[in-house]
C-alpha cells in the first residue's frame, strides 16, 4: 500500500454522534444498512468490500475540523478515536489521520 486512496471526513458543524455517523456514511458512501453506531462504524471501516474503490490501494481517511466536536463531546470523541485506532490495528488497508488546523478554503 504505497499510495492509499484519500477520503476526507469533514466534521465541520458536527455536534453529536449522529452527525458524525452521517458524515462518515456520506464520506465513504456507505450502504443503506450502515447502522450509525460505534460497532457499525468499526465493521464498515474494517471491511474493504464496503469501500471497494479504495480497497486495492488502501484507504487514507483524513479527519478534518474535528476539534470543535472533540471539545463539545469529549466522551464521544474518545470513543471515536478508540474505534479508529482499533480498526486501523486490525485492517492493514486502512489509515486514519487527524488533520491539524482549520480548513479555510
N, C-alpha and C. Protein backbone atom coordinates (compact mmCIF):
# COMPACT_ATOMS: atom_id res chain seq x y z
N UNK A 1 0.84 -1.16 0.00
CA UNK A 1 0.00 0.00 0.00
C UNK A 1 0.89 1.23 0.00
N UNK A 2 1.25 1.70 -1.17
CA UNK A 2 2.16 2.84 -1.25
C UNK A 2 1.43 4.16 -1.36
N UNK A 3 0.36 4.24 -2.10
CA UNK A 3 -0.42 5.46 -2.27
C UNK A 3 -1.89 5.20 -1.99
N UNK A 4 -2.26 5.21 -0.70
CA UNK A 4 -3.66 4.92 -0.38
C UNK A 4 -4.60 5.98 -0.93
N UNK A 5 -5.81 5.55 -1.22
CA UNK A 5 -6.86 6.43 -1.72
C UNK A 5 -7.32 7.35 -0.60
N UNK A 6 -7.16 8.68 -0.76
CA UNK A 6 -7.56 9.58 0.32
C UNK A 6 -9.05 9.90 0.28
N UNK A 7 -9.66 9.90 1.44
CA UNK A 7 -11.05 10.31 1.61
C UNK A 7 -11.08 11.28 2.78
N UNK A 8 -11.73 12.43 2.58
CA UNK A 8 -11.83 13.42 3.64
C UNK A 8 -13.12 13.23 4.41
N UNK A 9 -12.98 13.16 5.72
CA UNK A 9 -14.12 13.14 6.63
C UNK A 9 -14.13 14.50 7.31
N UNK A 10 -14.96 15.41 6.83
CA UNK A 10 -15.02 16.78 7.34
C UNK A 10 -16.09 16.86 8.42
N UNK A 11 -15.66 17.15 9.64
CA UNK A 11 -16.59 17.21 10.77
C UNK A 11 -17.02 18.64 11.10
N UNK A 12 -16.80 19.56 10.19
CA UNK A 12 -17.21 20.94 10.42
C UNK A 12 -18.72 20.99 10.69
N UNK A 13 -19.10 21.56 11.81
CA UNK A 13 -20.50 21.68 12.17
C UNK A 13 -21.10 20.47 12.87
N UNK A 14 -20.35 19.40 13.01
CA UNK A 14 -20.86 18.20 13.69
C UNK A 14 -20.89 18.47 15.20
N UNK A 15 -22.02 18.18 15.80
CA UNK A 15 -22.19 18.44 17.23
C UNK A 15 -22.53 17.21 18.05
N UNK A 16 -22.74 16.07 17.39
CA UNK A 16 -23.10 14.87 18.14
C UNK A 16 -22.76 13.62 17.34
N UNK A 17 -22.94 12.46 17.98
CA UNK A 17 -22.60 11.18 17.36
C UNK A 17 -23.40 10.96 16.08
N UNK A 18 -24.67 11.31 16.09
CA UNK A 18 -25.50 11.12 14.89
C UNK A 18 -24.91 11.90 13.71
N UNK A 19 -24.46 13.11 13.96
CA UNK A 19 -23.84 13.92 12.91
C UNK A 19 -22.55 13.29 12.41
N UNK A 20 -21.77 12.76 13.35
CA UNK A 20 -20.52 12.08 12.96
C UNK A 20 -20.83 10.89 12.07
N UNK A 21 -21.80 10.08 12.47
CA UNK A 21 -22.15 8.90 11.70
C UNK A 21 -22.67 9.28 10.31
N UNK A 22 -23.46 10.33 10.24
CA UNK A 22 -23.95 10.79 8.94
C UNK A 22 -22.80 11.21 8.03
N UNK A 23 -21.83 11.92 8.60
CA UNK A 23 -20.69 12.38 7.80
C UNK A 23 -19.83 11.20 7.33
N UNK A 24 -19.64 10.22 8.20
CA UNK A 24 -18.88 9.03 7.80
C UNK A 24 -19.60 8.31 6.68
N UNK A 25 -20.90 8.12 6.83
CA UNK A 25 -21.69 7.44 5.80
C UNK A 25 -21.58 8.17 4.47
N UNK A 26 -21.63 9.49 4.52
CA UNK A 26 -21.54 10.28 3.30
C UNK A 26 -20.14 10.22 2.70
N UNK A 27 -19.11 10.42 3.52
CA UNK A 27 -17.73 10.45 3.02
C UNK A 27 -17.32 9.14 2.38
N UNK A 28 -17.75 8.03 2.98
CA UNK A 28 -17.36 6.72 2.47
C UNK A 28 -18.41 6.08 1.58
N UNK A 29 -19.50 6.80 1.33
CA UNK A 29 -20.59 6.27 0.53
C UNK A 29 -21.00 4.89 1.04
N UNK A 30 -21.24 4.83 2.35
CA UNK A 30 -21.59 3.55 2.97
C UNK A 30 -22.98 3.11 2.55
N UNK A 31 -23.20 1.81 2.55
CA UNK A 31 -24.51 1.29 2.14
C UNK A 31 -25.61 1.68 3.12
N UNK A 32 -26.84 1.54 2.67
CA UNK A 32 -28.00 1.89 3.49
C UNK A 32 -28.07 1.11 4.79
N UNK A 33 -27.48 -0.09 4.81
CA UNK A 33 -27.56 -0.91 6.01
C UNK A 33 -26.62 -0.44 7.12
N UNK A 34 -25.79 0.58 6.85
CA UNK A 34 -24.89 1.10 7.88
C UNK A 34 -25.71 1.53 9.09
N UNK A 35 -25.44 0.94 10.25
CA UNK A 35 -26.27 1.11 11.43
C UNK A 35 -26.08 2.39 12.23
N UNK A 36 -25.11 3.22 11.85
CA UNK A 36 -24.87 4.51 12.52
C UNK A 36 -24.68 4.37 14.03
N UNK A 37 -23.88 3.38 14.40
CA UNK A 37 -23.47 3.23 15.79
C UNK A 37 -21.99 2.84 15.79
N UNK A 38 -21.37 2.78 16.97
CA UNK A 38 -19.92 2.55 17.03
C UNK A 38 -19.53 1.19 16.45
N UNK A 39 -20.30 0.15 16.73
CA UNK A 39 -19.98 -1.18 16.19
C UNK A 39 -20.09 -1.19 14.66
N UNK A 40 -21.13 -0.54 14.14
CA UNK A 40 -21.30 -0.48 12.69
C UNK A 40 -20.17 0.31 12.04
N UNK A 41 -19.72 1.36 12.71
CA UNK A 41 -18.59 2.14 12.19
C UNK A 41 -17.34 1.26 12.12
N UNK A 42 -17.05 0.54 13.19
CA UNK A 42 -15.89 -0.35 13.19
C UNK A 42 -16.01 -1.42 12.11
N UNK A 43 -17.18 -2.00 11.97
CA UNK A 43 -17.39 -3.03 10.96
C UNK A 43 -17.19 -2.46 9.56
N UNK A 44 -17.72 -1.28 9.30
CA UNK A 44 -17.62 -0.68 7.96
C UNK A 44 -16.19 -0.30 7.63
N UNK A 45 -15.48 0.25 8.61
CA UNK A 45 -14.10 0.65 8.35
C UNK A 45 -13.18 -0.55 8.19
N UNK A 46 -13.48 -1.65 8.86
CA UNK A 46 -12.60 -2.82 8.79
C UNK A 46 -12.93 -3.76 7.65
N UNK A 47 -13.92 -3.44 6.85
CA UNK A 47 -14.33 -4.31 5.73
C UNK A 47 -14.06 -3.60 4.40
N UNK A 48 -12.92 -3.90 3.76
CA UNK A 48 -12.59 -3.23 2.49
C UNK A 48 -13.63 -3.43 1.39
N UNK A 49 -14.49 -4.44 1.51
CA UNK A 49 -15.52 -4.60 0.48
C UNK A 49 -16.56 -3.50 0.57
N UNK A 50 -16.61 -2.80 1.71
CA UNK A 50 -17.55 -1.69 1.87
C UNK A 50 -17.05 -0.46 1.11
N UNK A 51 -15.74 -0.34 0.94
CA UNK A 51 -15.16 0.76 0.16
C UNK A 51 -14.29 0.18 -0.96
N UNK A 52 -14.93 -0.50 -1.94
CA UNK A 52 -14.19 -1.25 -2.96
C UNK A 52 -13.30 -0.38 -3.85
N UNK A 53 -13.68 0.88 -4.10
CA UNK A 53 -12.85 1.72 -4.98
C UNK A 53 -11.49 2.00 -4.36
N UNK A 54 -11.37 1.87 -3.05
CA UNK A 54 -10.11 2.13 -2.38
C UNK A 54 -9.41 0.86 -1.91
N UNK A 55 -10.10 -0.26 -1.92
CA UNK A 55 -9.58 -1.47 -1.30
C UNK A 55 -8.26 -1.93 -1.90
N UNK A 56 -8.12 -1.83 -3.21
CA UNK A 56 -6.91 -2.32 -3.87
C UNK A 56 -5.67 -1.54 -3.44
N UNK A 57 -5.81 -0.25 -3.25
CA UNK A 57 -4.65 0.56 -2.90
C UNK A 57 -4.64 0.97 -1.43
N UNK A 58 -5.71 0.69 -0.71
CA UNK A 58 -5.83 1.09 0.68
C UNK A 58 -6.59 2.40 0.81
N UNK A 59 -7.03 2.68 2.00
CA UNK A 59 -7.83 3.87 2.27
C UNK A 59 -7.12 4.74 3.30
N UNK A 60 -6.99 6.00 2.99
CA UNK A 60 -6.47 7.00 3.92
C UNK A 60 -7.63 7.92 4.28
N UNK A 61 -8.13 7.79 5.49
CA UNK A 61 -9.24 8.62 5.95
C UNK A 61 -8.66 9.82 6.69
N UNK A 62 -8.86 11.00 6.11
CA UNK A 62 -8.33 12.24 6.68
C UNK A 62 -9.48 12.95 7.39
N UNK A 63 -9.39 13.05 8.71
CA UNK A 63 -10.43 13.66 9.51
C UNK A 63 -10.08 15.13 9.71
N UNK A 64 -10.94 16.01 9.19
CA UNK A 64 -10.72 17.45 9.27
C UNK A 64 -11.76 18.10 10.18
N UNK A 65 -11.39 19.24 10.71
CA UNK A 65 -12.32 20.05 11.52
C UNK A 65 -12.95 19.26 12.66
N UNK A 66 -12.15 18.45 13.31
CA UNK A 66 -12.61 17.57 14.37
C UNK A 66 -12.56 18.20 15.76
N UNK A 67 -11.77 19.25 15.93
CA UNK A 67 -11.57 19.82 17.26
C UNK A 67 -12.86 20.35 17.91
N UNK A 68 -13.72 21.09 17.22
CA UNK A 68 -14.96 21.55 17.87
C UNK A 68 -15.82 20.38 18.37
N UNK A 69 -15.91 19.32 17.59
CA UNK A 69 -16.67 18.14 18.03
C UNK A 69 -15.99 17.52 19.25
N UNK A 70 -14.67 17.41 19.21
CA UNK A 70 -13.93 16.83 20.32
C UNK A 70 -14.13 17.64 21.60
N UNK A 71 -14.20 18.95 21.47
CA UNK A 71 -14.41 19.80 22.64
C UNK A 71 -15.86 19.75 23.13
N UNK A 72 -16.79 19.69 22.20
CA UNK A 72 -18.21 19.66 22.57
C UNK A 72 -18.63 18.32 23.17
N UNK A 73 -18.07 17.24 22.64
CA UNK A 73 -18.46 15.89 23.06
C UNK A 73 -17.21 15.05 23.35
N UNK A 74 -16.46 15.38 24.39
CA UNK A 74 -15.19 14.69 24.63
C UNK A 74 -15.32 13.18 24.83
N UNK A 75 -16.37 12.73 25.49
CA UNK A 75 -16.53 11.29 25.68
C UNK A 75 -16.79 10.58 24.35
N UNK A 76 -17.65 11.16 23.53
CA UNK A 76 -17.92 10.57 22.22
C UNK A 76 -16.65 10.58 21.37
N UNK A 77 -15.91 11.68 21.42
CA UNK A 77 -14.69 11.78 20.61
C UNK A 77 -13.66 10.74 21.04
N UNK A 78 -13.58 10.48 22.34
CA UNK A 78 -12.68 9.44 22.83
C UNK A 78 -13.08 8.08 22.26
N UNK A 79 -14.37 7.80 22.25
CA UNK A 79 -14.85 6.54 21.68
C UNK A 79 -14.52 6.49 20.18
N UNK A 80 -14.77 7.58 19.47
CA UNK A 80 -14.47 7.62 18.04
C UNK A 80 -12.99 7.33 17.79
N UNK A 81 -12.12 7.97 18.56
CA UNK A 81 -10.68 7.73 18.40
C UNK A 81 -10.33 6.27 18.67
N UNK A 82 -10.95 5.68 19.69
CA UNK A 82 -10.70 4.27 20.00
C UNK A 82 -11.15 3.38 18.85
N UNK A 83 -12.32 3.68 18.29
CA UNK A 83 -12.82 2.91 17.15
C UNK A 83 -11.85 3.03 15.97
N UNK A 84 -11.43 4.25 15.66
CA UNK A 84 -10.47 4.45 14.56
C UNK A 84 -9.18 3.67 14.82
N UNK A 85 -8.63 3.80 16.02
CA UNK A 85 -7.35 3.16 16.35
C UNK A 85 -7.45 1.63 16.30
N UNK A 86 -8.48 1.09 16.92
CA UNK A 86 -8.64 -0.37 16.94
C UNK A 86 -8.87 -0.92 15.54
N UNK A 87 -9.60 -0.18 14.72
CA UNK A 87 -9.88 -0.63 13.37
C UNK A 87 -8.62 -0.59 12.52
N UNK A 88 -7.84 0.47 12.65
CA UNK A 88 -6.57 0.56 11.92
C UNK A 88 -5.65 -0.59 12.33
N UNK A 89 -5.61 -0.92 13.62
CA UNK A 89 -4.76 -2.00 14.11
C UNK A 89 -5.07 -3.34 13.45
N UNK A 90 -6.33 -3.57 13.12
CA UNK A 90 -6.69 -4.87 12.54
C UNK A 90 -6.98 -4.82 11.04
N UNK A 91 -6.83 -3.65 10.42
CA UNK A 91 -7.12 -3.51 9.00
C UNK A 91 -5.92 -2.85 8.30
N UNK A 92 -5.03 -3.64 7.75
CA UNK A 92 -3.82 -3.06 7.15
C UNK A 92 -4.09 -2.13 5.97
N UNK A 93 -5.25 -2.24 5.34
CA UNK A 93 -5.57 -1.39 4.20
C UNK A 93 -6.04 0.00 4.62
N UNK A 94 -6.20 0.24 5.92
CA UNK A 94 -6.79 1.48 6.41
C UNK A 94 -5.79 2.30 7.21
N UNK A 95 -5.77 3.60 6.94
CA UNK A 95 -5.05 4.56 7.78
C UNK A 95 -6.02 5.70 8.09
N UNK A 96 -5.98 6.19 9.31
CA UNK A 96 -6.80 7.33 9.72
C UNK A 96 -5.86 8.38 10.28
N UNK A 97 -5.97 9.61 9.77
CA UNK A 97 -5.14 10.71 10.27
C UNK A 97 -6.04 11.88 10.65
N UNK A 98 -5.62 12.61 11.66
CA UNK A 98 -6.33 13.80 12.09
C UNK A 98 -5.59 15.01 11.53
N UNK A 99 -6.27 15.78 10.71
CA UNK A 99 -5.69 16.99 10.14
C UNK A 99 -5.69 18.06 11.21
N UNK A 100 -4.59 18.76 11.32
CA UNK A 100 -4.49 19.86 12.27
C UNK A 100 -4.82 21.17 11.59
N UNK A 101 -5.37 22.10 12.34
CA UNK A 101 -5.72 23.38 11.77
C UNK A 101 -7.15 23.41 11.26
N UNK A 102 -7.55 24.57 10.88
CA UNK A 102 -8.90 24.78 10.34
C UNK A 102 -8.80 24.98 8.84
N UNK A 103 -9.57 24.26 8.10
CA UNK A 103 -9.60 24.40 6.65
C UNK A 103 -10.24 25.74 6.31
N UNK A 104 -9.57 26.53 5.49
CA UNK A 104 -10.07 27.88 5.16
C UNK A 104 -10.58 27.98 3.73
N UNK A 105 -10.31 27.02 2.92
CA UNK A 105 -10.76 27.10 1.51
C UNK A 105 -11.93 26.22 1.24
